């Protein structure tokens, strides 16, 4: 994947039809598909084409922000290759509370006193995540079971069994702790659910935990620091000079 065309402001020429990688800093509440649809609409209108191939490499939940890699044109063929790389996240967990979705998408369903938990215990529990392991995905996920998305079954209160996925967590660093809030930097393989880490961290500590905030900072060699704001991207595309016939 050498010499990929990466979108940057100020270039003289953009070849979105042939292929371009656009690094988007996805805002909260937007789905990954919202971003893709927005980019496709803007570029199709600018290029005066009915439909342009646009896809994303690695889904982010609506309640997560950060790096979303959008590919256009022929680069959509590289999506599987791009999203297979390691990811890095900054995750904030809240100890002492759990929700069915393991994050703030659903209401708190249990609380537990966590005043006895120490920072040393948190560090030890986080260190235990490092390595190759089987991880059970959240019920509120896009995993398919018997042709149905897990989140659809969960919202219908159906009981389904999710099979564990083999993942690898290479780095976990505690970067801030004001208990019951804990923030960690996590580097992991494709397919890792940080919400499942929240569930498992709560189980290790015996007090429950919920994913409070999540931001993807890297994906392979791509950095969120090089990403563009989706609304700024919209403004930029709308201000480009017309394409000459």
C-alpha atoms as a PDB file:
ATOM      1  CA  UNK A   1       0.000   0.000   0.000  1.00  0.00           C
ATOM      2  CA  UNK A   2       2.828   2.341  -0.873  1.00  0.00           C
ATOM      3  CA  UNK A   3       2.260   5.708  -2.583  1.00  0.00           C
ATOM      4  CA  UNK A   4      -1.446   5.893  -1.847  1.00  0.00           C
ATOM      5  CA  UNK A   5      -3.063   9.185  -2.721  1.00  0.00           C
ATOM      6  CA  UNK A   6      -4.036  10.725   0.625  1.00  0.00           C
ATOM      7  CA  UNK A   7      -6.411  13.668   0.642  1.00  0.00           C
ATOM      8  CA  UNK A   8      -4.818  16.929   1.800  1.00  0.00           C
ATOM      9  CA  UNK A   9      -6.045  20.500   1.638  1.00  0.00           C
ATOM     10  CA  UNK A  10      -4.372  22.690  -0.953  1.00  0.00           C
ATOM     11  CA  UNK A  11      -3.514  20.180  -3.662  1.00  0.00           C
ATOM     12  CA  UNK A  12      -3.894  21.261  -7.262  1.00  0.00           C
ATOM     13  CA  UNK A  13      -5.618  18.060  -8.369  1.00  0.00           C
ATOM     14  CA  UNK A  14      -7.786  15.382  -6.731  1.00  0.00           C
ATOM     15  CA  UNK A  15      -8.554  12.112  -8.488  1.00  0.00           C
ATOM     16  CA  UNK A  16     -11.457  10.762  -6.449  1.00  0.00           C
ATOM     17  CA  UNK A  17     -12.679   8.518  -9.282  1.00  0.00           C
ATOM     18  CA  UNK A  18      -9.339   6.770  -9.760  1.00  0.00           C
ATOM     19  CA  UNK A  19      -8.838   6.472  -6.026  1.00  0.00           C
ATOM     20  CA  UNK A  20      -8.216   8.558  -2.928  1.00  0.00           C
ATOM     21  CA  UNK A  21      -7.834   7.878   0.782  1.00  0.00           C
ATOM     22  CA  UNK A  22      -9.655  10.453   2.908  1.00  0.00           C
ATOM     23  CA  UNK A  23      -8.853  10.460   6.622  1.00  0.00           C
ATOM     24  CA  UNK A  24     -11.937  11.706   8.461  1.00  0.00           C
ATOM     25  CA  UNK A  25     -12.120  12.636  12.139  1.00  0.00           C
ATOM     26  CA  UNK A  26     -15.569  11.155  12.763  1.00  0.00           C
ATOM     27  CA  UNK A  27     -17.687  13.232  15.124  1.00  0.00           C
ATOM     28  CA  UNK A  28     -19.807  11.826  17.923  1.00  0.00           C
ATOM     29  CA  UNK A  29     -23.327  10.647  17.039  1.00  0.00           C
ATOM     30  CA  UNK A  30     -22.452  10.109  13.389  1.00  0.00           C
ATOM     31  CA  UNK A  31     -22.427   6.509  12.175  1.00  0.00           C
ATOM     32  CA  UNK A  32     -19.637   5.370   9.879  1.00  0.00           C
ATOM     33  CA  UNK A  33     -22.262   5.046   7.138  1.00  0.00           C
ATOM     34  CA  UNK A  34     -23.350   8.651   7.751  1.00  0.00           C
ATOM     35  CA  UNK A  35     -19.797   9.746   6.938  1.00  0.00           C
ATOM     36  CA  UNK A  36     -19.565   7.552   3.831  1.00  0.00           C
ATOM     37  CA  UNK A  37     -22.928   8.759   2.553  1.00  0.00           C
ATOM     38  CA  UNK A  38     -21.948  12.388   3.132  1.00  0.00           C
ATOM     39  CA  UNK A  39     -18.632  11.987   1.305  1.00  0.00           C
ATOM     40  CA  UNK A  40     -20.283  10.114  -1.580  1.00  0.00           C
ATOM     41  CA  UNK A  41     -22.958  12.793  -1.960  1.00  0.00           C
ATOM     42  CA  UNK A  42     -20.453  15.664  -1.905  1.00  0.00           C
ATOM     43  CA  UNK A  43     -18.061  14.063  -4.380  1.00  0.00           C
ATOM     44  CA  UNK A  44     -20.743  12.765  -6.747  1.00  0.00           C
ATOM     45  CA  UNK A  45     -22.257  16.225  -6.891  1.00  0.00           C
ATOM     46  CA  UNK A  46     -18.884  17.905  -7.407  1.00  0.00           C
ATOM     47  CA  UNK A  47     -17.816  15.424 -10.102  1.00  0.00           C
ATOM     48  CA  UNK A  48     -21.269  15.404 -11.720  1.00  0.00           C
ATOM     49  CA  UNK A  49     -21.542  11.608 -11.646  1.00  0.00           C
ATOM     50  CA  UNK A  50     -24.556   9.586 -10.570  1.00  0.00           C
ATOM     51  CA  UNK A  51     -22.668   7.340  -8.204  1.00  0.00           C
ATOM     52  CA  UNK A  52     -19.090   7.131  -6.988  1.00  0.00           C
ATOM     53  CA  UNK A  53     -17.614   4.117  -5.211  1.00  0.00           C
ATOM     54  CA  UNK A  54     -17.009   5.107  -1.583  1.00  0.00           C
ATOM     55  CA  UNK A  55     -16.418   2.873   1.441  1.00  0.00           C
ATOM     56  CA  UNK A  56     -14.818   2.889   4.873  1.00  0.00           C
ATOM     57  CA  UNK A  57     -12.138   0.698   6.412  1.00  0.00           C
ATOM     58  CA  UNK A  58     -13.145  -0.197   9.960  1.00  0.00           C
ATOM     59  CA  UNK A  59     -16.461   0.770  11.544  1.00  0.00           C
ATOM     60  CA  UNK A  60     -16.693   3.176  14.469  1.00  0.00           C
ATOM     61  CA  UNK A  61     -19.747   3.139  16.756  1.00  0.00           C
ATOM     62  CA  UNK A  62     -21.857   6.323  16.836  1.00  0.00           C
ATOM     63  CA  UNK A  63     -20.646   7.054  20.380  1.00  0.00           C
ATOM     64  CA  UNK A  64     -16.982   6.797  19.297  1.00  0.00           C
ATOM     65  CA  UNK A  65     -15.019   9.559  17.615  1.00  0.00           C
ATOM     66  CA  UNK A  66     -11.733   9.676  15.756  1.00  0.00           C
ATOM     67  CA  UNK A  67     -10.060   8.197  12.728  1.00  0.00           C
ATOM     68  CA  UNK A  68     -12.299   6.787  10.004  1.00  0.00           C
ATOM     69  CA  UNK A  69     -10.540   5.840   6.777  1.00  0.00           C
ATOM     70  CA  UNK A  70     -12.697   6.538   3.720  1.00  0.00           C
ATOM     71  CA  UNK A  71     -11.677   5.153   0.319  1.00  0.00           C
ATOM     72  CA  UNK A  72     -12.979   6.276  -3.065  1.00  0.00           C
ATOM     73  CA  UNK A  73     -12.895   4.846  -6.589  1.00  0.00           C
ATOM     74  CA  UNK A  74     -10.476   1.994  -7.187  1.00  0.00           C
ATOM     75  CA  UNK A  75      -9.140   2.325  -3.641  1.00  0.00           C
ATOM     76  CA  UNK A  76     -12.305   0.668  -2.340  1.00  0.00           C
ATOM     77  CA  UNK A  77     -10.645  -2.596  -3.432  1.00  0.00           C
ATOM     78  CA  UNK A  78      -8.018  -1.991  -0.727  1.00  0.00           C
ATOM     79  CA  UNK A  79     -10.494  -1.701   2.143  1.00  0.00           C
ATOM     80  CA  UNK A  80     -10.013  -5.252   3.466  1.00  0.00           C
ATOM     81  CA  UNK A  81      -6.252  -4.787   3.398  1.00  0.00           C
ATOM     82  CA  UNK A  82      -6.384  -1.419   5.155  1.00  0.00           C
ATOM     83  CA  UNK A  83      -8.790  -2.469   7.891  1.00  0.00           C
ATOM     84  CA  UNK A  84      -6.760  -5.594   8.698  1.00  0.00           C
ATOM     85  CA  UNK A  85      -4.083  -3.448  10.352  1.00  0.00           C
ATOM     86  CA  UNK A  86      -3.705  -2.734  14.072  1.00  0.00           C
ATOM     87  CA  UNK A  87      -5.775   0.040  15.644  1.00  0.00           C
ATOM     88  CA  UNK A  88      -5.086   2.302  18.607  1.00  0.00           C
ATOM     89  CA  UNK A  89      -7.730   3.815  20.868  1.00  0.00           C
ATOM     90  CA  UNK A  90      -8.011   6.125  23.829  1.00  0.00           C
ATOM     91  CA  UNK A  91     -10.753   4.645  26.001  1.00  0.00           C
ATOM     92  CA  UNK A  92     -12.324   5.977  29.188  1.00  0.00           C
ATOM     93  CA  UNK A  93     -14.124   3.491  31.434  1.00  0.00           C
ATOM     94  CA  UNK A  94     -16.401   4.203  34.363  1.00  0.00           C
ATOM     95  CA  UNK A  95     -16.144   1.645  37.149  1.00  0.00           C
ATOM     96  CA  UNK A  96     -19.107   0.591  39.268  1.00  0.00           C
ATOM     97  CA  UNK A  97     -21.784   0.749  36.565  1.00  0.00           C
ATOM     98  CA  UNK A  98     -22.854  -1.574  33.755  1.00  0.00           C
ATOM     99  CA  UNK A  99     -25.212  -1.279  30.789  1.00  0.00           C
ATOM    100  CA  UNK A 100     -26.530  -3.942  28.380  1.00  0.00           C
ATOM    101  CA  UNK A 101     -24.512  -2.432  25.506  1.00  0.00           C
ATOM    102  CA  UNK A 102     -21.376  -1.965  27.679  1.00  0.00           C
ATOM    103  CA  UNK A 103     -21.411   1.744  26.757  1.00  0.00           C
ATOM    104  CA  UNK A 104     -23.748   4.742  27.085  1.00  0.00           C
ATOM    105  CA  UNK A 105     -26.069   3.655  24.251  1.00  0.00           C
ATOM    106  CA  UNK A 106     -28.308   1.917  26.806  1.00  0.00           C
ATOM    107  CA  UNK A 107     -29.378   2.726  30.351  1.00  0.00           C
ATOM    108  CA  UNK A 108     -27.499   1.610  33.460  1.00  0.00           C
ATOM    109  CA  UNK A 109     -28.755  -1.809  34.572  1.00  0.00           C
ATOM    110  CA  UNK A 110     -26.555  -2.354  37.636  1.00  0.00           C
ATOM    111  CA  UNK A 111     -24.378  -0.405  40.055  1.00  0.00           C
ATOM    112  CA  UNK A 112     -21.725  -1.520  42.504  1.00  0.00           C
ATOM    113  CA  UNK A 113     -19.603   0.180  45.130  1.00  0.00           C
ATOM    114  CA  UNK A 114     -16.082   0.531  43.727  1.00  0.00           C
ATOM    115  CA  UNK A 115     -14.609   2.790  46.412  1.00  0.00           C
ATOM    116  CA  UNK A 116     -12.271  -0.021  47.517  1.00  0.00           C
ATOM    117  CA  UNK A 117     -10.671  -0.360  44.054  1.00  0.00           C
ATOM    118  CA  UNK A 118      -7.102   0.983  43.872  1.00  0.00           C
ATOM    119  CA  UNK A 119      -5.102   2.296  40.939  1.00  0.00           C
ATOM    120  CA  UNK A 120      -2.692  -0.621  41.405  1.00  0.00           C
ATOM    121  CA  UNK A 121      -5.575  -3.075  40.975  1.00  0.00           C
ATOM    122  CA  UNK A 122      -6.672  -1.270  37.818  1.00  0.00           C
ATOM    123  CA  UNK A 123      -3.133  -1.371  36.378  1.00  0.00           C
ATOM    124  CA  UNK A 124      -2.837  -5.086  37.128  1.00  0.00           C
ATOM    125  CA  UNK A 125      -6.210  -5.829  35.519  1.00  0.00           C
ATOM    126  CA  UNK A 126      -5.333  -3.821  32.384  1.00  0.00           C
ATOM    127  CA  UNK A 127      -1.963  -5.586  32.048  1.00  0.00           C
ATOM    128  CA  UNK A 128      -3.778  -8.930  31.992  1.00  0.00           C
ATOM    129  CA  UNK A 129      -5.411  -7.991  28.682  1.00  0.00           C
ATOM    130  CA  UNK A 130      -2.109  -7.966  26.788  1.00  0.00           C
ATOM    131  CA  UNK A 131      -1.660 -10.927  24.444  1.00  0.00           C
ATOM    132  CA  UNK A 132      -3.659 -13.197  22.152  1.00  0.00           C
ATOM    133  CA  UNK A 133      -7.060 -14.191  23.471  1.00  0.00           C
ATOM    134  CA  UNK A 134     -10.659 -15.109  22.697  1.00  0.00           C
ATOM    135  CA  UNK A 135     -13.069 -12.204  23.100  1.00  0.00           C
ATOM    136  CA  UNK A 136     -16.853 -12.471  23.187  1.00  0.00           C
ATOM    137  CA  UNK A 137     -18.400  -9.608  21.156  1.00  0.00           C
ATOM    138  CA  UNK A 138     -21.084  -7.395  22.728  1.00  0.00           C
ATOM    139  CA  UNK A 139     -24.711  -8.332  22.243  1.00  0.00           C
ATOM    140  CA  UNK A 140     -25.213  -4.845  20.845  1.00  0.00           C
ATOM    141  CA  UNK A 141     -22.930  -5.392  17.852  1.00  0.00           C
ATOM    142  CA  UNK A 142     -23.217  -5.952  14.116  1.00  0.00           C
ATOM    143  CA  UNK A 143     -22.178  -9.598  14.402  1.00  0.00           C
ATOM    144  CA  UNK A 144     -24.570 -11.904  12.558  1.00  0.00           C
ATOM    145  CA  UNK A 145     -26.142 -14.956  14.195  1.00  0.00           C
ATOM    146  CA  UNK A 146     -28.442 -17.085  12.025  1.00  0.00           C
ATOM    147  CA  UNK A 147     -28.737 -14.225   9.548  1.00  0.00           C
ATOM    148  CA  UNK A 148     -29.704 -11.606  12.124  1.00  0.00           C
ATOM    149  CA  UNK A 149     -27.569  -8.784  13.499  1.00  0.00           C
ATOM    150  CA  UNK A 150     -26.836  -9.268  17.184  1.00  0.00           C
ATOM    151  CA  UNK A 151     -28.039  -5.762  18.075  1.00  0.00           C
ATOM    152  CA  UNK A 152     -31.387  -6.456  16.391  1.00  0.00           C
ATOM    153  CA  UNK A 153     -31.844  -9.579  18.508  1.00  0.00           C
ATOM    154  CA  UNK A 154     -30.747  -7.706  21.639  1.00  0.00           C
ATOM    155  CA  UNK A 155     -33.318  -4.969  21.064  1.00  0.00           C
ATOM    156  CA  UNK A 156     -35.975  -7.665  20.669  1.00  0.00           C
ATOM    157  CA  UNK A 157     -34.818  -9.285  23.940  1.00  0.00           C
ATOM    158  CA  UNK A 158     -33.910 -12.477  22.097  1.00  0.00           C
ATOM    159  CA  UNK A 159     -31.383 -14.835  23.634  1.00  0.00           C
ATOM    160  CA  UNK A 160     -28.554 -15.617  21.197  1.00  0.00           C
ATOM    161  CA  UNK A 161     -25.099 -17.079  21.618  1.00  0.00           C
ATOM    162  CA  UNK A 162     -22.186 -15.114  20.230  1.00  0.00           C
ATOM    163  CA  UNK A 163     -19.069 -17.081  19.451  1.00  0.00           C
ATOM    164  CA  UNK A 164     -15.748 -15.678  20.703  1.00  0.00           C
ATOM    165  CA  UNK A 165     -13.339 -14.099  18.214  1.00  0.00           C
ATOM    166  CA  UNK A 166      -9.563 -14.493  18.323  1.00  0.00           C
ATOM    167  CA  UNK A 167      -7.951 -11.095  18.901  1.00  0.00           C
ATOM    168  CA  UNK A 168      -4.581  -9.723  19.990  1.00  0.00           C
ATOM    169  CA  UNK A 169      -3.980  -6.787  22.308  1.00  0.00           C
ATOM    170  CA  UNK A 170      -0.367  -5.628  21.995  1.00  0.00           C
ATOM    171  CA  UNK A 171      -0.315  -2.606  24.311  1.00  0.00           C
ATOM    172  CA  UNK A 172      -2.399  -1.280  27.193  1.00  0.00           C
ATOM    173  CA  UNK A 173      -1.249   1.848  28.996  1.00  0.00           C
ATOM    174  CA  UNK A 174      -3.065   3.526  31.859  1.00  0.00           C
ATOM    175  CA  UNK A 175      -2.800   7.240  31.048  1.00  0.00           C
ATOM    176  CA  UNK A 176      -5.227   8.773  33.547  1.00  0.00           C
ATOM    177  CA  UNK A 177      -7.149   7.625  36.583  1.00  0.00           C
ATOM    178  CA  UNK A 178      -9.519   9.651  38.691  1.00  0.00           C
ATOM    179  CA  UNK A 179     -11.472   6.749  40.069  1.00  0.00           C
ATOM    180  CA  UNK A 180     -14.107   5.686  39.225  1.00  0.00           C
ATOM    181  CA  UNK A 181     -12.984   7.027  35.812  1.00  0.00           C
ATOM    182  CA  UNK A 182     -10.089   5.229  34.110  1.00  0.00           C
ATOM    183  CA  UNK A 183      -8.503   6.201  30.782  1.00  0.00           C
ATOM    184  CA  UNK A 184      -6.224   3.857  28.841  1.00  0.00           C
ATOM    185  CA  UNK A 185      -4.430   3.732  25.513  1.00  0.00           C
ATOM    186  CA  UNK A 186      -5.116   0.392  23.815  1.00  0.00           C
ATOM    187  CA  UNK A 187      -3.394  -1.010  20.725  1.00  0.00           C
ATOM    188  CA  UNK A 188      -5.136  -4.049  19.299  1.00  0.00           C
ATOM    189  CA  UNK A 189      -5.890  -6.191  16.281  1.00  0.00           C
ATOM    190  CA  UNK A 190      -8.767  -5.904  13.847  1.00  0.00           C
ATOM    191  CA  UNK A 191     -12.051  -7.104  15.310  1.00  0.00           C
ATOM    192  CA  UNK A 192     -11.352  -6.061  18.902  1.00  0.00           C
ATOM    193  CA  UNK A 193     -14.346  -4.598  20.722  1.00  0.00           C
ATOM    194  CA  UNK A 194     -13.310  -1.984  23.284  1.00  0.00           C
ATOM    195  CA  UNK A 195     -16.805  -2.280  24.766  1.00  0.00           C
ATOM    196  CA  UNK A 196     -16.033  -5.921  25.518  1.00  0.00           C
ATOM    197  CA  UNK A 197     -12.848  -4.812  27.270  1.00  0.00           C
ATOM    198  CA  UNK A 198     -15.053  -2.574  29.445  1.00  0.00           C
ATOM    199  CA  UNK A 199     -17.201  -5.580  30.370  1.00  0.00           C
ATOM    200  CA  UNK A 200     -14.173  -7.781  31.041  1.00  0.00           C
ATOM    201  CA  UNK A 201     -12.360  -5.084  33.045  1.00  0.00           C
ATOM    202  CA  UNK A 202     -15.412  -4.739  35.274  1.00  0.00           C
ATOM    203  CA  UNK A 203     -15.498  -8.500  35.769  1.00  0.00           C
ATOM    204  CA  UNK A 204     -11.801  -8.635  36.641  1.00  0.00           C
ATOM    205  CA  UNK A 205     -12.244  -5.905  39.246  1.00  0.00           C
ATOM    206  CA  UNK A 206     -15.523  -7.350  40.522  1.00  0.00           C
ATOM    207  CA  UNK A 207     -17.402  -4.061  40.318  1.00  0.00           C
ATOM    208  CA  UNK A 208     -18.563  -3.751  36.720  1.00  0.00           C
ATOM    209  CA  UNK A 209     -17.511  -1.117  34.203  1.00  0.00           C
ATOM    210  CA  UNK A 210     -18.917   0.787  31.249  1.00  0.00           C
ATOM    211  CA  UNK A 211     -17.193   2.355  28.251  1.00  0.00           C
ATOM    212  CA  UNK A 212     -17.677   6.066  28.793  1.00  0.00           C
ATOM    213  CA  UNK A 213     -15.700   7.598  25.896  1.00  0.00           C
ATOM    214  CA  UNK A 214     -13.811   6.162  22.929  1.00  0.00           C
ATOM    215  CA  UNK A 215     -11.567   7.751  20.345  1.00  0.00           C
ATOM    216  CA  UNK A 216      -9.618   5.961  17.602  1.00  0.00           C
ATOM    217  CA  UNK A 217      -6.231   7.609  17.170  1.00  0.00           C
ATOM    218  CA  UNK A 218      -4.465   5.347  14.671  1.00  0.00           C
ATOM    219  CA  UNK A 219      -5.177   2.651  12.104  1.00  0.00           C
ATOM    220  CA  UNK A 220      -2.051   1.062  10.700  1.00  0.00           C
ATOM    221  CA  UNK A 221       0.198   3.968   9.708  1.00  0.00           C
ATOM    222  CA  UNK A 222      -2.687   6.438   9.470  1.00  0.00           C
ATOM    223  CA  UNK A 223      -3.047   9.006  12.273  1.00  0.00           C
ATOM    224  CA  UNK A 224      -6.073  10.968  13.438  1.00  0.00           C
ATOM    225  CA  UNK A 225      -3.789  14.012  13.665  1.00  0.00           C
ATOM    226  CA  UNK A 226      -3.764  13.992   9.849  1.00  0.00           C
ATOM    227  CA  UNK A 227      -7.536  13.603   9.542  1.00  0.00           C
ATOM    228  CA  UNK A 228      -9.968  16.288   8.394  1.00  0.00           C
ATOM    229  CA  UNK A 229     -13.201  17.367  10.018  1.00  0.00           C
ATOM    230  CA  UNK A 230     -16.176  16.134   7.993  1.00  0.00           C
ATOM    231  CA  UNK A 231     -17.905  19.525   7.960  1.00  0.00           C
ATOM    232  CA  UNK A 232     -14.685  21.281   6.960  1.00  0.00           C
ATOM    233  CA  UNK A 233     -14.313  18.714   4.175  1.00  0.00           C
ATOM    234  CA  UNK A 234     -17.832  19.582   3.007  1.00  0.00           C
ATOM    235  CA  UNK A 235     -17.001  23.287   2.935  1.00  0.00           C
ATOM    236  CA  UNK A 236     -13.768  22.615   1.032  1.00  0.00           C
ATOM    237  CA  UNK A 237     -15.417  20.467  -1.661  1.00  0.00           C
ATOM    238  CA  UNK A 238     -18.222  22.981  -2.161  1.00  0.00           C
ATOM    239  CA  UNK A 239     -15.632  25.722  -2.715  1.00  0.00           C
ATOM    240  CA  UNK A 240     -13.581  23.835  -5.304  1.00  0.00           C
ATOM    241  CA  UNK A 241     -13.624  25.329  -8.812  1.00  0.00           C
ATOM    242  CA  UNK A 242     -15.968  23.516 -11.229  1.00  0.00           C
ATOM    243  CA  UNK A 243     -14.575  20.585 -13.175  1.00  0.00           C
ATOM    244  CA  UNK A 244     -14.081  21.601 -16.779  1.00  0.00           C
ATOM    245  CA  UNK A 245     -15.621  19.329 -19.412  1.00  0.00           C
END
